[in-house]
Amino acid sequence: MKKLSLVLTLVLVLSLSFVSQAAYVDGTYEAWSDASDKSIQSSKVFIEDGKIVAVILREFTDLHVEKDWSTYPWPQAGEAARTLGAQFVANQAAEADIVTGATGSSTGWIQATERALLKASDTEPVNKYFDGTFLGRSEVSSYGQYYKVVWVTLKDDKIVDYKVQRVLPDHTIQDPSAEVYGWPLEMARDAYKEAAMTSKPGYVDVITSATGLTHQSNHAVRDALDKALTK
C-alpha cells in the first residue's frame, strides 16, 4: 500500500511539473479584444523558448485611428498601455492589474493578450473565429475620400450582428439618413446587413445600385474577420 501511494504521489508530482513547464509555441502572435462603441485593443505577443518575452499594446478609436499616448487626453489609458505589457511578461500569462481610470482599456488588453496566447498554444481551435464583436476598417473611397468602420459580431463562425458608420475626410460621421447617389444610405446599409448575416462572412454579392457600398463594406468586414481569427 505504501509503495502504491508513493508511486501515485510521484506520478502526480511529475504531472504537475509537466503542466507548470508547458510552453507556448515560439513566434509572434497578435490578437484583438472585443470592440466597444468607442475603441478596440490589440496585443502583439512575442514568444521565445516557450516564454513571453515582450508584449506590444495598441488601442484604436471608433474611427479606427490609433491613439497617440503623447497627445491622448486621458493619461490613465497611456499608463495602462505602458505598464500592462511588463506584467504579462512577469506573470507569463494574460494577468495584470486593472489601472484605475482605464478599466475598459485594461480589460481589453487582458482579453486580447489571452486570445494571443491561445493562438500561441498547440491546441487546435474549434472555430475559425473567436466569438465576439470586432472592428474593421475599409479602404478610402476614390469617390468622396471617405471610409467605413464596421462592428461585426460573430457567434460560431457566423455573423449575427453588424453595425457601420461612414467616416468623412474631416473625421465626422455621415448622417445615415442622407441620400447617396439617389438612394438613402440607411436603406443600402440595411440591405447589406441582411445579406451579411446570411452570406459567407465577408463575401456579400453586389447589391443592385450599391456596388461601391457592397465592395467597401466587404473589405471592412474582412478586416474585422482578420482580427477575429483564432489562428
Protein backbone atom coordinates (compact mmCIF):
# COMPACT_ATOMS: atom_id res chain seq x y z
CA MET A 1 0.00 0.00 0.00
CA LYS A 2 2.83 2.38 0.87
CA LYS A 3 4.61 1.58 -2.41
CA LEU A 4 1.43 2.24 -4.38
CA SER A 5 0.90 5.52 -2.56
CA LEU A 6 4.49 6.56 -3.31
CA VAL A 7 4.08 5.74 -7.00
CA LEU A 8 0.84 7.72 -7.24
CA THR A 9 2.45 10.67 -5.47
CA LEU A 10 5.40 10.59 -7.87
CA VAL A 11 3.07 10.46 -10.89
CA LEU A 12 1.10 13.42 -9.54
CA VAL A 13 4.26 15.46 -8.94
CA LEU A 14 5.58 14.69 -12.41
CA SER A 15 2.21 15.57 -13.94
CA LEU A 16 2.06 18.91 -12.13
CA SER A 17 5.65 19.59 -13.10
CA PHE A 18 4.85 18.92 -16.75
CA VAL A 19 1.85 21.24 -16.66
CA SER A 20 3.82 24.03 -14.99
CA GLN A 21 6.54 23.73 -17.64
CA ALA A 22 4.12 23.65 -20.57
CA ALA A 23 5.47 26.10 -23.13
CA TYR A 24 3.97 28.34 -25.75
CA VAL A 25 4.97 27.81 -29.37
CA ASP A 26 7.71 30.25 -30.40
CA GLY A 27 6.60 33.05 -32.71
CA THR A 28 4.77 36.38 -32.80
CA TYR A 29 1.04 36.38 -32.19
CA GLU A 30 -1.39 39.27 -32.48
CA ALA A 31 -4.97 39.25 -31.28
CA TRP A 32 -7.72 41.76 -30.59
CA SER A 33 -10.25 42.41 -27.88
CA ASP A 34 -13.97 42.77 -28.37
CA ALA A 35 -14.77 46.23 -29.72
CA SER A 36 -16.82 48.66 -27.70
CA ASP A 37 -18.70 51.60 -29.19
CA LYS A 38 -15.60 53.74 -28.62
CA SER A 39 -12.49 51.59 -29.05
CA ILE A 40 -10.74 48.27 -29.63
CA GLN A 41 -7.45 47.00 -28.19
CA SER A 42 -4.72 44.84 -29.73
CA SER A 43 -1.91 42.81 -28.19
CA LYS A 44 1.14 41.52 -30.05
CA VAL A 45 2.91 38.84 -28.02
CA PHE A 46 6.46 37.63 -28.69
CA ILE A 47 7.29 34.08 -27.61
CA GLU A 48 10.88 32.81 -27.38
CA ASP A 49 11.96 29.49 -25.88
CA GLY A 50 8.36 28.89 -24.90
CA LYS A 51 8.08 32.05 -22.83
CA ILE A 52 6.52 35.51 -23.20
CA VAL A 53 9.43 37.91 -23.73
CA ALA A 54 7.63 41.06 -24.90
CA VAL A 55 4.13 42.43 -25.45
CA ILE A 56 3.15 45.44 -27.56
CA LEU A 57 -0.23 47.01 -26.74
CA ARG A 58 -2.18 49.34 -29.03
CA GLU A 59 -5.63 50.91 -28.96
CA PHE A 60 -7.82 52.34 -31.71
CA THR A 61 -10.75 54.73 -31.59
CA ASP A 62 -14.21 54.15 -33.03
CA LEU A 63 -12.90 55.82 -36.22
CA HIS A 64 -10.24 53.08 -36.33
CA VAL A 65 -7.49 55.62 -35.71
CA GLU A 66 -4.66 54.56 -33.40
CA LYS A 67 -4.41 56.51 -30.16
CA ASP A 68 -1.23 58.54 -29.65
CA TRP A 69 -0.41 58.39 -25.94
CA SER A 70 1.77 61.51 -26.13
CA THR A 71 -1.29 63.59 -27.00
CA TYR A 72 -4.22 61.48 -25.75
CA PRO A 73 -6.09 63.50 -23.09
CA TRP A 74 -6.69 60.54 -20.73
CA PRO A 75 -3.32 59.72 -19.07
CA GLN A 76 -4.59 56.62 -17.27
CA ALA A 77 -5.03 54.82 -20.60
CA GLY A 78 -1.45 55.65 -21.56
CA GLU A 79 -0.28 54.37 -18.18
CA ALA A 80 -2.09 51.09 -18.79
CA ALA A 81 -0.50 50.79 -22.24
CA ARG A 82 2.95 51.29 -20.73
CA THR A 83 2.61 49.00 -17.70
CA LEU A 84 0.38 46.05 -18.57
CA GLY A 85 2.79 44.53 -21.08
CA ALA A 86 5.51 44.20 -18.44
CA GLN A 87 3.03 42.50 -16.11
CA PHE A 88 2.09 39.96 -18.79
CA VAL A 89 5.78 39.14 -19.20
CA ALA A 90 6.37 38.91 -15.44
CA ASN A 91 3.31 36.72 -14.92
CA GLN A 92 3.84 34.64 -18.09
CA ALA A 93 0.08 34.88 -18.58
CA ALA A 94 -2.72 37.27 -19.52
CA GLU A 95 -2.83 38.52 -15.94
CA ALA A 96 -2.40 42.15 -14.90
CA ASP A 97 -3.79 44.72 -12.51
CA ILE A 98 -6.61 46.89 -13.81
CA VAL A 99 -5.44 50.52 -13.99
CA THR A 100 -7.86 52.80 -12.16
CA GLY A 101 -9.47 55.16 -14.62
CA ALA A 102 -8.67 52.88 -17.57
CA THR A 103 -10.83 49.85 -16.83
CA GLY A 104 -12.05 49.42 -20.41
CA SER A 105 -8.56 49.64 -21.90
CA SER A 106 -7.09 47.33 -19.25
CA THR A 107 -9.73 44.62 -19.63
CA GLY A 108 -9.50 44.90 -23.42
CA TRP A 109 -5.73 44.34 -23.36
CA ILE A 110 -6.10 41.41 -20.98
CA GLN A 111 -8.65 39.81 -23.32
CA ALA A 112 -6.53 40.50 -26.41
CA THR A 113 -3.45 39.01 -24.73
CA GLU A 114 -5.43 35.98 -23.63
CA ARG A 115 -6.52 35.41 -27.23
CA ALA A 116 -2.96 35.88 -28.49
CA LEU A 117 -1.75 33.22 -26.04
CA LEU A 118 -4.47 30.87 -27.23
CA LYS A 119 -3.02 31.31 -30.71
CA ALA A 120 0.43 30.53 -29.27
CA SER A 121 -0.73 27.25 -27.72
CA ASP A 122 -0.52 23.95 -29.57
CA THR A 123 -4.25 23.33 -29.09
CA GLU A 124 -6.27 23.33 -32.27
CA PRO A 125 -9.21 25.77 -32.04
CA VAL A 126 -12.72 24.50 -32.60
CA ASN A 127 -13.80 27.58 -34.58
CA LYS A 128 -12.13 29.72 -37.22
CA TYR A 129 -13.10 32.92 -35.40
CA PHE A 130 -13.39 33.98 -31.78
CA ASP A 131 -16.92 34.77 -30.65
CA GLY A 132 -17.29 38.50 -30.04
CA THR A 133 -17.55 41.89 -31.73
CA PHE A 134 -14.66 43.09 -33.87
CA LEU A 135 -13.92 46.44 -35.51
CA GLY A 136 -12.93 46.65 -39.16
CA ARG A 137 -11.97 49.46 -41.50
CA SER A 138 -12.30 49.70 -45.27
CA GLU A 139 -10.03 51.35 -47.78
CA VAL A 140 -10.64 55.02 -48.60
CA SER A 141 -13.17 55.52 -51.39
CA SER A 142 -11.85 57.09 -54.57
CA TYR A 143 -15.13 58.98 -54.71
CA GLY A 144 -15.65 61.22 -51.71
CA GLN A 145 -12.50 60.17 -49.82
CA TYR A 146 -14.50 58.53 -47.04
CA TYR A 147 -14.03 55.12 -45.45
CA LYS A 148 -16.21 52.72 -43.48
CA VAL A 149 -15.81 51.40 -39.98
CA VAL A 150 -17.83 48.30 -39.10
CA TRP A 151 -18.64 46.35 -35.95
CA VAL A 152 -19.04 42.67 -36.78
CA THR A 153 -20.45 40.37 -34.12
CA LEU A 154 -19.61 36.68 -34.53
CA LYS A 155 -21.04 33.56 -32.96
CA ASP A 156 -19.95 30.07 -34.03
CA ASP A 157 -18.24 31.47 -37.15
CA LYS A 158 -21.36 33.29 -38.32
CA ILE A 159 -22.16 37.00 -38.43
CA VAL A 160 -25.05 37.60 -36.05
CA ASP A 161 -24.96 41.40 -35.97
CA TYR A 162 -23.47 44.24 -37.97
CA LYS A 163 -23.13 47.98 -37.48
CA VAL A 164 -21.43 50.54 -39.71
CA GLN A 165 -20.52 54.20 -39.90
CA ARG A 166 -19.12 56.23 -42.78
CA VAL A 167 -16.18 58.43 -41.79
CA LEU A 168 -15.79 61.59 -43.87
CA PRO A 169 -12.42 63.23 -44.70
CA ASP A 170 -12.76 65.62 -41.75
CA HIS A 171 -13.34 62.62 -39.43
CA THR A 172 -17.00 63.40 -38.87
CA ILE A 173 -19.66 60.70 -39.24
CA GLN A 174 -22.08 60.95 -42.15
CA ASP A 175 -25.75 61.01 -41.21
CA PRO A 176 -27.17 57.63 -42.35
CA SER A 177 -30.47 59.25 -43.32
CA ALA A 178 -28.72 61.26 -46.06
CA GLU A 179 -29.30 60.21 -49.65
CA VAL A 180 -26.23 58.99 -51.53
CA TYR A 181 -26.40 58.55 -55.29
CA GLY A 182 -30.16 58.99 -55.08
CA TRP A 183 -30.62 56.08 -52.68
CA PRO A 184 -30.99 56.57 -48.92
CA LEU A 185 -27.81 55.35 -47.29
CA GLU A 186 -29.77 53.77 -44.45
CA MET A 187 -31.70 51.58 -46.89
CA ALA A 188 -28.50 50.37 -48.54
CA ARG A 189 -26.96 49.62 -45.15
CA ASP A 190 -29.98 47.59 -44.07
CA ALA A 191 -29.81 45.59 -47.31
CA TYR A 192 -26.12 44.87 -46.75
CA LYS A 193 -26.63 43.88 -43.11
CA GLU A 194 -29.37 41.41 -44.04
CA ALA A 195 -27.15 39.88 -46.72
CA ALA A 196 -24.08 39.80 -44.44
CA MET A 197 -25.91 37.67 -41.89
CA THR A 198 -26.88 35.03 -44.46
CA SER A 199 -23.88 35.02 -46.82
CA LYS A 200 -20.38 33.62 -46.42
CA PRO A 201 -18.75 36.07 -43.96
CA GLY A 202 -17.13 38.93 -45.86
CA TYR A 203 -18.47 37.98 -49.28
CA VAL A 204 -21.82 39.61 -49.89
CA ASP A 205 -22.88 39.65 -53.55
CA VAL A 206 -23.16 43.08 -55.16
CA ILE A 207 -26.36 44.83 -54.15
CA THR A 208 -28.14 46.49 -57.07
CA SER A 209 -27.39 50.23 -57.27
CA ALA A 210 -24.94 49.90 -54.37
CA THR A 211 -21.86 48.36 -55.96
CA GLY A 212 -19.36 50.63 -54.26
CA LEU A 213 -21.06 50.27 -50.90
CA THR A 214 -21.01 46.48 -51.20
CA HIS A 215 -17.32 46.25 -52.12
CA GLN A 216 -16.23 48.71 -49.45
CA SER A 217 -18.38 47.04 -46.78
CA ASN A 218 -16.98 43.62 -47.70
CA HIS A 219 -13.43 44.92 -47.31
CA ALA A 220 -14.22 46.38 -43.89
CA VAL A 221 -15.91 43.15 -42.77
CA ARG A 222 -12.92 41.08 -43.88
CA ASP A 223 -10.64 43.36 -41.88
CA ALA A 224 -12.81 42.70 -38.82
CA LEU A 225 -12.73 38.96 -39.56
CA ASP A 226 -8.93 39.01 -39.72
CA LYS A 227 -8.92 40.44 -36.20
CA ALA A 228 -11.23 37.64 -35.05
CA LEU A 229 -9.11 34.72 -36.34
CA THR A 230 -8.27 32.06 -33.77
CA LYS A 231 -5.05 31.05 -35.57
